[in-house]
Amino acid sequence: MTRTLLACALAVGAAACATGRSSTAPARSAADTRYLYQLLDVRKLGAQELARIEKVNPTVASYVATAGKPDFLIEPGPSDLQLVYYTRSLLVHFHQGANGVWTTSQLTPLPTSLLGVLPGDIRAGTPAASGNEMTGCWPTAIPGGTCQTCCTPPDLPAGQNCTIQCKPGR
């Protein structure tokens, strides 16, 4: 009887652990938050992040396949991604709506407030920071509304931080 109780207890415990694992640790293939709220140089740390995003987001992958790799990417929030093409003076904003569909909008030329927070990169053509930079904010359009993205300069000791706030149109 003791063996039977022990076997049952082990079986119930194993089943509970297996159930607990699957329900408390969902797959995070599309929701890697390591670079969330950051502006990344695609020739450096951002290269791996862009490759990861392209694997999980066909809208971004299709755009990059057609337009080429951007110079920088910004992940200001879980439902937004911005690609910066410095030499083309183009920002492409990808936004995931409440329905789960990703849409794109473009902003050209690049706003001065964005230029002031881009890190210096000789390959992208961006100049080194002048030391006069302040937090840069710029608006973008999304279907049915607008978004305001703000980033701190790259030379801050705490590191660069970007945020976004989207509002429905009037």
N, C-alpha and C. Protein backbone atom coordinates (compact mmCIF):
# COMPACT_ATOMS: atom_id res chain seq x y z
N MET A 1 0.82 -1.19 0.00
CA MET A 1 0.00 0.00 0.00
C MET A 1 0.87 1.25 0.00
N THR A 2 1.95 1.23 0.78
CA THR A 2 2.84 2.39 0.84
C THR A 2 3.45 2.66 -0.53
N ARG A 3 3.85 1.56 -1.22
CA ARG A 3 4.42 1.73 -2.56
C ARG A 3 3.42 2.34 -3.52
N THR A 4 2.20 1.92 -3.44
CA THR A 4 1.16 2.43 -4.33
C THR A 4 0.92 3.91 -4.06
N LEU A 5 0.85 4.28 -2.79
CA LEU A 5 0.67 5.69 -2.45
C LEU A 5 1.86 6.54 -2.92
N LEU A 6 3.05 6.01 -2.73
CA LEU A 6 4.25 6.72 -3.16
C LEU A 6 4.27 6.88 -4.69
N ALA A 7 3.92 5.82 -5.40
CA ALA A 7 3.88 5.88 -6.87
C ALA A 7 2.84 6.89 -7.34
N CYS A 8 1.69 6.89 -6.69
CA CYS A 8 0.64 7.85 -7.06
C CYS A 8 1.08 9.28 -6.77
N ALA A 9 1.71 9.48 -5.63
CA ALA A 9 2.18 10.82 -5.26
C ALA A 9 3.22 11.31 -6.26
N LEU A 10 4.14 10.45 -6.65
CA LEU A 10 5.16 10.83 -7.64
C LEU A 10 4.52 11.15 -8.99
N ALA A 11 3.55 10.35 -9.41
CA ALA A 11 2.89 10.58 -10.69
C ALA A 11 2.13 11.90 -10.68
N VAL A 12 1.42 12.18 -9.59
CA VAL A 12 0.68 13.44 -9.48
C VAL A 12 1.65 14.61 -9.45
N GLY A 13 2.76 14.47 -8.71
CA GLY A 13 3.77 15.54 -8.63
C GLY A 13 4.40 15.82 -9.99
N ALA A 14 4.73 14.77 -10.72
CA ALA A 14 5.32 14.96 -12.05
C ALA A 14 4.33 15.63 -12.99
N ALA A 15 3.08 15.21 -12.94
CA ALA A 15 2.07 15.83 -13.80
C ALA A 15 1.87 17.30 -13.44
N ALA A 16 1.87 17.59 -12.16
CA ALA A 16 1.69 18.99 -11.72
C ALA A 16 2.86 19.84 -12.17
N CYS A 17 4.09 19.31 -12.09
CA CYS A 17 5.26 20.07 -12.52
C CYS A 17 5.22 20.32 -14.02
N ALA A 18 4.87 19.31 -14.78
CA ALA A 18 4.81 19.47 -16.23
C ALA A 18 3.77 20.51 -16.61
N THR A 19 2.61 20.46 -15.98
CA THR A 19 1.56 21.43 -16.26
C THR A 19 2.00 22.82 -15.84
N GLY A 20 2.62 22.91 -14.67
CA GLY A 20 3.08 24.22 -14.19
C GLY A 20 4.11 24.83 -15.11
N ARG A 21 5.01 24.03 -15.62
CA ARG A 21 6.05 24.56 -16.50
C ARG A 21 5.46 25.14 -17.78
N SER A 22 4.54 24.43 -18.39
CA SER A 22 4.01 24.91 -19.66
C SER A 22 3.11 26.13 -19.49
N SER A 23 2.44 26.24 -18.36
CA SER A 23 1.53 27.38 -18.22
C SER A 23 2.22 28.62 -17.68
N THR A 24 3.35 28.45 -16.96
CA THR A 24 4.01 29.63 -16.40
C THR A 24 5.17 30.13 -17.24
N ALA A 25 5.63 29.37 -18.20
CA ALA A 25 6.75 29.80 -19.03
C ALA A 25 6.41 29.67 -20.50
N PRO A 26 5.59 30.57 -21.02
CA PRO A 26 5.21 30.47 -22.43
C PRO A 26 6.41 30.73 -23.34
N ALA A 27 6.32 30.22 -24.55
CA ALA A 27 7.38 30.47 -25.53
C ALA A 27 7.51 31.96 -25.79
N ARG A 28 8.76 32.45 -25.88
CA ARG A 28 8.98 33.88 -26.05
C ARG A 28 9.64 34.18 -27.39
N SER A 29 9.31 33.45 -28.42
CA SER A 29 9.97 33.64 -29.71
C SER A 29 9.79 35.05 -30.25
N ALA A 30 8.62 35.61 -30.11
CA ALA A 30 8.36 36.93 -30.67
C ALA A 30 8.50 38.02 -29.62
N ALA A 31 8.61 37.66 -28.35
CA ALA A 31 8.57 38.67 -27.31
C ALA A 31 9.88 38.77 -26.54
N ASP A 32 11.01 38.76 -27.25
CA ASP A 32 12.30 38.93 -26.59
C ASP A 32 12.43 40.41 -26.24
N THR A 33 12.51 40.71 -24.97
CA THR A 33 12.51 42.12 -24.53
C THR A 33 13.89 42.64 -24.20
N ARG A 34 14.93 41.93 -24.56
CA ARG A 34 16.30 42.34 -24.22
C ARG A 34 16.64 43.73 -24.75
N TYR A 35 16.19 44.08 -25.95
CA TYR A 35 16.54 45.38 -26.54
C TYR A 35 15.36 46.33 -26.62
N LEU A 36 14.29 45.99 -25.91
CA LEU A 36 13.12 46.86 -25.88
C LEU A 36 13.51 48.21 -25.27
N TYR A 37 13.00 49.28 -25.83
CA TYR A 37 13.24 50.66 -25.41
C TYR A 37 14.65 51.15 -25.74
N GLN A 38 15.28 50.55 -26.75
CA GLN A 38 16.63 50.97 -27.13
C GLN A 38 16.72 51.33 -28.60
N LEU A 39 17.70 52.17 -28.90
CA LEU A 39 18.07 52.51 -30.26
C LEU A 39 19.37 51.76 -30.54
N LEU A 40 19.39 50.94 -31.58
CA LEU A 40 20.54 50.09 -31.86
C LEU A 40 21.12 50.36 -33.24
N ASP A 41 22.44 50.32 -33.34
CA ASP A 41 23.15 50.42 -34.60
C ASP A 41 23.09 49.04 -35.25
N VAL A 42 22.56 48.95 -36.47
CA VAL A 42 22.38 47.66 -37.12
C VAL A 42 23.70 47.05 -37.58
N ARG A 43 24.77 47.81 -37.58
CA ARG A 43 26.08 47.26 -37.91
C ARG A 43 26.76 46.66 -36.68
N LYS A 44 26.20 46.88 -35.54
CA LYS A 44 26.79 46.39 -34.29
C LYS A 44 25.79 45.47 -33.61
N LEU A 45 25.41 45.79 -32.38
CA LEU A 45 24.51 44.98 -31.57
C LEU A 45 23.15 44.79 -32.26
N GLY A 46 22.72 45.75 -33.02
CA GLY A 46 21.41 45.67 -33.66
C GLY A 46 21.31 44.67 -34.79
N ALA A 47 22.43 44.17 -35.31
CA ALA A 47 22.39 43.21 -36.41
C ALA A 47 21.68 41.93 -35.99
N GLN A 48 22.04 41.41 -34.83
CA GLN A 48 21.40 40.18 -34.35
C GLN A 48 19.93 40.43 -34.02
N GLU A 49 19.63 41.59 -33.45
CA GLU A 49 18.25 41.89 -33.09
C GLU A 49 17.39 42.04 -34.35
N LEU A 50 17.90 42.69 -35.39
CA LEU A 50 17.15 42.81 -36.63
C LEU A 50 16.91 41.43 -37.24
N ALA A 51 17.91 40.57 -37.22
CA ALA A 51 17.74 39.21 -37.75
C ALA A 51 16.67 38.46 -36.97
N ARG A 52 16.64 38.62 -35.64
CA ARG A 52 15.62 37.96 -34.82
C ARG A 52 14.24 38.48 -35.17
N ILE A 53 14.12 39.79 -35.31
CA ILE A 53 12.83 40.40 -35.64
C ILE A 53 12.34 39.92 -37.00
N GLU A 54 13.24 39.86 -37.97
CA GLU A 54 12.86 39.40 -39.31
C GLU A 54 12.33 37.96 -39.28
N LYS A 55 12.87 37.13 -38.39
CA LYS A 55 12.41 35.75 -38.29
C LYS A 55 10.98 35.65 -37.75
N VAL A 56 10.61 36.55 -36.86
CA VAL A 56 9.29 36.45 -36.22
C VAL A 56 8.26 37.42 -36.79
N ASN A 57 8.69 38.38 -37.61
CA ASN A 57 7.77 39.38 -38.13
C ASN A 57 7.89 39.45 -39.65
N PRO A 58 6.99 38.79 -40.40
CA PRO A 58 7.08 38.77 -41.85
C PRO A 58 6.92 40.16 -42.49
N THR A 59 6.21 41.07 -41.85
CA THR A 59 6.04 42.42 -42.40
C THR A 59 7.39 43.14 -42.43
N VAL A 60 8.13 43.05 -41.35
CA VAL A 60 9.46 43.67 -41.29
C VAL A 60 10.41 42.96 -42.25
N ALA A 61 10.38 41.63 -42.27
CA ALA A 61 11.27 40.87 -43.15
C ALA A 61 11.04 41.24 -44.61
N SER A 62 9.79 41.36 -45.01
CA SER A 62 9.47 41.73 -46.38
C SER A 62 9.98 43.13 -46.72
N TYR A 63 9.79 44.05 -45.80
CA TYR A 63 10.24 45.42 -46.04
C TYR A 63 11.76 45.47 -46.19
N VAL A 64 12.48 44.83 -45.28
CA VAL A 64 13.94 44.85 -45.31
C VAL A 64 14.46 44.14 -46.56
N ALA A 65 13.78 43.07 -46.98
CA ALA A 65 14.20 42.36 -48.20
C ALA A 65 14.11 43.27 -49.42
N THR A 66 13.12 44.15 -49.43
CA THR A 66 12.92 45.07 -50.55
C THR A 66 13.79 46.32 -50.43
N ALA A 67 13.83 46.94 -49.26
CA ALA A 67 14.50 48.23 -49.08
C ALA A 67 15.96 48.12 -48.66
N GLY A 68 16.37 46.97 -48.18
CA GLY A 68 17.73 46.81 -47.68
C GLY A 68 17.80 47.05 -46.18
N LYS A 69 18.95 46.72 -45.61
CA LYS A 69 19.13 46.87 -44.16
C LYS A 69 19.18 48.34 -43.79
N PRO A 70 18.54 48.69 -42.68
CA PRO A 70 18.59 50.08 -42.21
C PRO A 70 19.92 50.34 -41.51
N ASP A 71 20.13 51.58 -41.13
CA ASP A 71 21.33 51.94 -40.36
C ASP A 71 21.11 51.73 -38.86
N PHE A 72 19.89 52.01 -38.40
CA PHE A 72 19.55 51.90 -36.98
C PHE A 72 18.16 51.33 -36.84
N LEU A 73 17.90 50.72 -35.69
CA LEU A 73 16.54 50.30 -35.36
C LEU A 73 16.23 50.77 -33.95
N ILE A 74 14.97 51.11 -33.76
CA ILE A 74 14.49 51.58 -32.47
C ILE A 74 13.32 50.70 -32.08
N GLU A 75 13.36 50.16 -30.86
CA GLU A 75 12.25 49.39 -30.32
C GLU A 75 11.67 50.16 -29.14
N PRO A 76 10.83 51.17 -29.43
CA PRO A 76 10.34 52.03 -28.35
C PRO A 76 9.22 51.41 -27.53
N GLY A 77 8.67 50.29 -27.95
CA GLY A 77 7.59 49.63 -27.22
C GLY A 77 7.33 48.26 -27.81
N PRO A 78 6.58 47.41 -27.12
CA PRO A 78 6.34 46.05 -27.60
C PRO A 78 5.55 45.97 -28.89
N SER A 79 4.80 46.99 -29.24
CA SER A 79 3.98 46.97 -30.46
C SER A 79 4.50 47.91 -31.53
N ASP A 80 5.73 48.38 -31.38
CA ASP A 80 6.29 49.34 -32.33
C ASP A 80 7.75 49.05 -32.60
N LEU A 81 8.15 49.30 -33.84
CA LEU A 81 9.53 49.17 -34.28
C LEU A 81 9.76 50.25 -35.32
N GLN A 82 10.89 50.91 -35.25
CA GLN A 82 11.22 51.93 -36.24
C GLN A 82 12.58 51.62 -36.85
N LEU A 83 12.65 51.66 -38.16
CA LEU A 83 13.90 51.47 -38.89
C LEU A 83 14.34 52.83 -39.41
N VAL A 84 15.61 53.16 -39.20
CA VAL A 84 16.14 54.45 -39.61
C VAL A 84 17.15 54.23 -40.73
N TYR A 85 16.86 54.83 -41.89
CA TYR A 85 17.77 54.82 -43.04
C TYR A 85 18.37 56.23 -43.11
N TYR A 86 19.56 56.40 -42.55
CA TYR A 86 20.15 57.73 -42.41
C TYR A 86 20.44 58.38 -43.76
N THR A 87 21.13 57.69 -44.66
CA THR A 87 21.51 58.31 -45.93
C THR A 87 20.31 58.61 -46.82
N ARG A 88 19.23 57.85 -46.67
CA ARG A 88 18.00 58.11 -47.43
C ARG A 88 17.09 59.08 -46.70
N SER A 89 17.46 59.46 -45.46
CA SER A 89 16.66 60.35 -44.62
C SER A 89 15.23 59.84 -44.49
N LEU A 90 15.12 58.57 -44.05
CA LEU A 90 13.83 57.90 -43.99
C LEU A 90 13.70 57.13 -42.68
N LEU A 91 12.55 57.28 -42.03
CA LEU A 91 12.20 56.49 -40.86
C LEU A 91 10.96 55.69 -41.24
N VAL A 92 10.99 54.38 -41.01
CA VAL A 92 9.85 53.51 -41.28
C VAL A 92 9.34 53.01 -39.94
N HIS A 93 8.08 53.29 -39.65
CA HIS A 93 7.46 52.92 -38.38
C HIS A 93 6.55 51.72 -38.61
N PHE A 94 6.81 50.62 -37.91
CA PHE A 94 5.95 49.44 -37.92
C PHE A 94 5.16 49.46 -36.62
N HIS A 95 3.85 49.34 -36.73
CA HIS A 95 2.98 49.39 -35.55
C HIS A 95 2.02 48.21 -35.59
N GLN A 96 1.91 47.50 -34.47
CA GLN A 96 0.98 46.39 -34.37
C GLN A 96 -0.30 46.89 -33.72
N GLY A 97 -1.38 46.85 -34.48
CA GLY A 97 -2.68 47.31 -33.98
C GLY A 97 -3.29 46.32 -33.00
N ALA A 98 -4.40 46.70 -32.40
CA ALA A 98 -5.11 45.86 -31.43
C ALA A 98 -5.55 44.54 -32.06
N ASN A 99 -5.73 44.54 -33.38
CA ASN A 99 -6.15 43.32 -34.09
C ASN A 99 -4.97 42.39 -34.40
N GLY A 100 -3.75 42.79 -34.00
CA GLY A 100 -2.55 41.98 -34.23
C GLY A 100 -1.87 42.20 -35.56
N VAL A 101 -2.47 43.01 -36.43
CA VAL A 101 -1.92 43.26 -37.77
C VAL A 101 -0.86 44.37 -37.69
N TRP A 102 0.28 44.12 -38.34
CA TRP A 102 1.35 45.12 -38.40
C TRP A 102 1.15 46.02 -39.61
N THR A 103 1.23 47.33 -39.41
CA THR A 103 1.14 48.30 -40.49
C THR A 103 2.43 49.12 -40.52
N THR A 104 2.65 49.81 -41.63
CA THR A 104 3.85 50.65 -41.74
C THR A 104 3.46 52.06 -42.15
N SER A 105 4.27 53.00 -41.70
CA SER A 105 4.17 54.38 -42.16
C SER A 105 5.59 54.90 -42.31
N GLN A 106 5.76 55.94 -43.10
CA GLN A 106 7.09 56.48 -43.35
C GLN A 106 7.14 57.95 -43.00
N LEU A 107 8.32 58.38 -42.56
CA LEU A 107 8.57 59.77 -42.23
C LEU A 107 9.85 60.19 -42.93
N THR A 108 9.75 61.22 -43.76
CA THR A 108 10.92 61.74 -44.46
C THR A 108 10.73 63.23 -44.67
N PRO A 109 11.74 64.03 -44.54
CA PRO A 109 13.09 63.71 -44.10
C PRO A 109 13.11 63.39 -42.61
N LEU A 110 14.25 62.85 -42.16
CA LEU A 110 14.39 62.54 -40.74
C LEU A 110 14.31 63.83 -39.93
N PRO A 111 13.52 63.84 -38.86
CA PRO A 111 13.42 65.05 -38.04
C PRO A 111 14.73 65.35 -37.31
N THR A 112 15.01 66.62 -37.14
CA THR A 112 16.23 67.06 -36.45
C THR A 112 16.31 66.45 -35.05
N SER A 113 15.17 66.32 -34.39
CA SER A 113 15.16 65.75 -33.04
C SER A 113 15.63 64.30 -33.03
N LEU A 114 15.40 63.56 -34.10
CA LEU A 114 15.91 62.19 -34.21
C LEU A 114 17.40 62.21 -34.54
N LEU A 115 17.80 63.08 -35.45
CA LEU A 115 19.21 63.17 -35.82
C LEU A 115 20.09 63.44 -34.60
N GLY A 116 19.57 64.23 -33.66
CA GLY A 116 20.34 64.59 -32.48
C GLY A 116 20.58 63.44 -31.51
N VAL A 117 19.83 62.35 -31.63
CA VAL A 117 20.03 61.23 -30.70
C VAL A 117 20.63 59.99 -31.38
N LEU A 118 20.90 60.07 -32.69
CA LEU A 118 21.53 58.94 -33.36
C LEU A 118 23.00 58.84 -32.93
N PRO A 119 23.46 57.63 -32.66
CA PRO A 119 24.87 57.47 -32.31
C PRO A 119 25.77 57.73 -33.52
N GLY A 120 26.96 58.24 -33.27
CA GLY A 120 27.91 58.47 -34.35
C GLY A 120 28.40 57.16 -34.92
N ASP A 121 28.37 57.03 -36.26
CA ASP A 121 28.85 55.83 -36.93
C ASP A 121 29.35 56.25 -38.31
N ILE A 122 30.63 56.12 -38.54
CA ILE A 122 31.22 56.56 -39.81
C ILE A 122 30.64 55.78 -40.99
N ARG A 123 30.28 54.51 -40.78
CA ARG A 123 29.73 53.71 -41.89
C ARG A 123 28.32 54.16 -42.26
N ALA A 124 27.55 54.62 -41.27
CA ALA A 124 26.21 55.13 -41.56
C ALA A 124 26.27 56.59 -42.01
N GLY A 125 27.37 57.27 -41.68
CA GLY A 125 27.50 58.68 -42.03
C GLY A 125 27.03 59.62 -40.93
N THR A 126 26.64 59.08 -39.79
CA THR A 126 26.18 59.94 -38.70
C THR A 126 27.37 60.51 -37.95
N PRO A 127 27.32 61.81 -37.65
CA PRO A 127 28.44 62.45 -36.96
C PRO A 127 28.50 62.05 -35.48
N ALA A 128 29.66 62.27 -34.89
CA ALA A 128 29.82 62.05 -33.44
C ALA A 128 28.96 63.07 -32.70
N ALA A 129 28.53 62.71 -31.51
CA ALA A 129 27.70 63.61 -30.71
C ALA A 129 28.46 64.88 -30.39
N SER A 130 27.75 66.00 -30.45
CA SER A 130 28.38 67.30 -30.20
C SER A 130 28.39 67.66 -28.73
N GLY A 131 27.62 66.93 -27.93
CA GLY A 131 27.53 67.24 -26.51
C GLY A 131 26.38 68.18 -26.18
N ASN A 132 25.71 68.71 -27.21
CA ASN A 132 24.59 69.63 -27.00
C ASN A 132 23.24 68.93 -27.12
N GLU A 133 23.25 67.61 -27.29
CA GLU A 133 22.01 66.89 -27.53
C GLU A 133 21.11 66.88 -26.30
N MET A 134 19.84 66.91 -26.56
CA MET A 134 18.83 66.77 -25.51
C MET A 134 17.92 65.63 -25.96
N THR A 135 16.98 65.26 -25.14
CA THR A 135 16.04 64.21 -25.52
C THR A 135 15.35 64.61 -26.82
N GLY A 136 15.33 63.69 -27.76
CA GLY A 136 14.69 63.96 -29.04
C GLY A 136 13.36 63.26 -29.14
N CYS A 137 12.35 63.98 -29.60
CA CYS A 137 11.01 63.42 -29.79
C CYS A 137 10.54 63.73 -31.20
N TRP A 138 9.82 62.79 -31.79
CA TRP A 138 9.27 63.00 -33.13
C TRP A 138 7.95 62.25 -33.25
N PRO A 139 7.03 62.80 -34.04
CA PRO A 139 5.74 62.15 -34.25
C PRO A 139 5.75 61.28 -35.51
N THR A 140 4.95 60.24 -35.49
CA THR A 140 4.71 59.43 -36.68
C THR A 140 3.22 59.13 -36.75
N ALA A 141 2.75 58.88 -37.95
CA ALA A 141 1.34 58.54 -38.15
C ALA A 141 1.18 57.03 -38.14
N ILE A 142 0.07 56.58 -37.59
CA ILE A 142 -0.33 55.17 -37.65
C ILE A 142 -1.79 55.16 -38.11
N PRO A 143 -2.28 54.04 -38.59
CA PRO A 143 -3.69 54.01 -38.99
C PRO A 143 -4.58 54.39 -37.80
N GLY A 144 -5.36 55.42 -37.98
CA GLY A 144 -6.29 55.86 -36.96
C GLY A 144 -5.68 56.67 -35.83
N GLY A 145 -4.46 57.17 -35.99
CA GLY A 145 -3.88 57.96 -34.91
C GLY A 145 -2.45 58.40 -35.16
N THR A 146 -1.79 58.80 -34.09
CA THR A 146 -0.40 59.24 -34.15
C THR A 146 0.38 58.66 -32.97
N CYS A 147 1.69 58.62 -33.12
CA CYS A 147 2.58 58.18 -32.05
C CYS A 147 3.65 59.23 -31.86
N GLN A 148 4.12 59.35 -30.64
CA GLN A 148 5.22 60.25 -30.29
C GLN A 148 6.33 59.38 -29.70
N THR A 149 7.48 59.35 -30.38
CA THR A 149 8.63 58.59 -29.90
C THR A 149 9.63 59.57 -29.32
N CYS A 150 10.23 59.23 -28.19
CA CYS A 150 11.26 60.06 -27.56
C CYS A 150 12.43 59.17 -27.18
N CYS A 151 13.66 59.65 -27.47
CA CYS A 151 14.88 58.93 -27.10
C CYS A 151 15.84 59.90 -26.44
N THR A 152 16.58 59.40 -25.47
CA THR A 152 17.63 60.19 -24.85
C THR A 152 18.89 60.04 -25.69
N PRO A 153 19.85 60.97 -25.57
CA PRO A 153 21.08 60.88 -26.35
C PRO A 153 21.89 59.63 -25.99
N PRO A 154 22.70 59.14 -26.96
CA PRO A 154 23.44 57.90 -26.72
C PRO A 154 24.59 58.04 -25.73
N ASP A 155 25.05 59.24 -25.43
CA ASP A 155 26.22 59.40 -24.58
C ASP A 155 25.88 59.56 -23.10
N LEU A 156 24.63 59.34 -22.71
CA LEU A 156 24.26 59.42 -21.30
C LEU A 156 24.84 58.22 -20.55
N PRO A 157 25.32 58.42 -19.33
CA PRO A 157 25.90 57.32 -18.56
C PRO A 157 24.92 56.16 -18.36
N ALA A 158 23.65 56.45 -18.22
CA ALA A 158 22.66 55.40 -17.99
C ALA A 158 22.31 54.65 -19.27
N GLY A 159 22.80 55.10 -20.42
CA GLY A 159 22.48 54.44 -21.69
C GLY A 159 21.28 55.08 -22.35
N GLN A 160 21.10 54.73 -23.60
CA GLN A 160 20.01 55.32 -24.38
C GLN A 160 18.69 54.65 -24.06
N ASN A 161 17.67 55.46 -23.92
CA ASN A 161 16.34 54.96 -23.58
C ASN A 161 15.33 55.60 -24.54
N CYS A 162 14.47 54.78 -25.13
CA CYS A 162 13.44 55.27 -26.04
C CYS A 162 12.07 54.80 -25.57
N THR A 163 11.09 55.66 -25.72
CA THR A 163 9.72 55.33 -25.36
C THR A 163 8.78 55.79 -26.47
N ILE A 164 7.58 55.28 -26.46
CA ILE A 164 6.59 55.70 -27.45
C ILE A 164 5.22 55.78 -26.77
N GLN A 165 4.44 56.73 -27.26
CA GLN A 165 3.06 56.86 -26.78
C GLN A 165 2.19 57.06 -28.02
N CYS A 166 1.24 56.19 -28.22
CA CYS A 166 0.34 56.28 -29.38
C CYS A 166 -1.06 56.64 -28.91
N LYS A 167 -1.71 57.51 -29.72
CA LYS A 167 -3.05 57.96 -29.41
C LYS A 167 -3.93 57.86 -30.65
N PRO A 168 -5.19 57.55 -30.47
CA PRO A 168 -6.11 57.55 -31.61
C PRO A 168 -6.32 58.96 -32.13
N GLY A 169 -6.60 59.07 -33.41
CA GLY A 169 -6.87 60.37 -34.02
C GLY A 169 -8.18 60.95 -33.55
N ARG A 170 -8.38 62.20 -33.86
CA ARG A 170 -9.62 62.87 -33.43
C ARG A 170 -10.68 62.82 -34.48
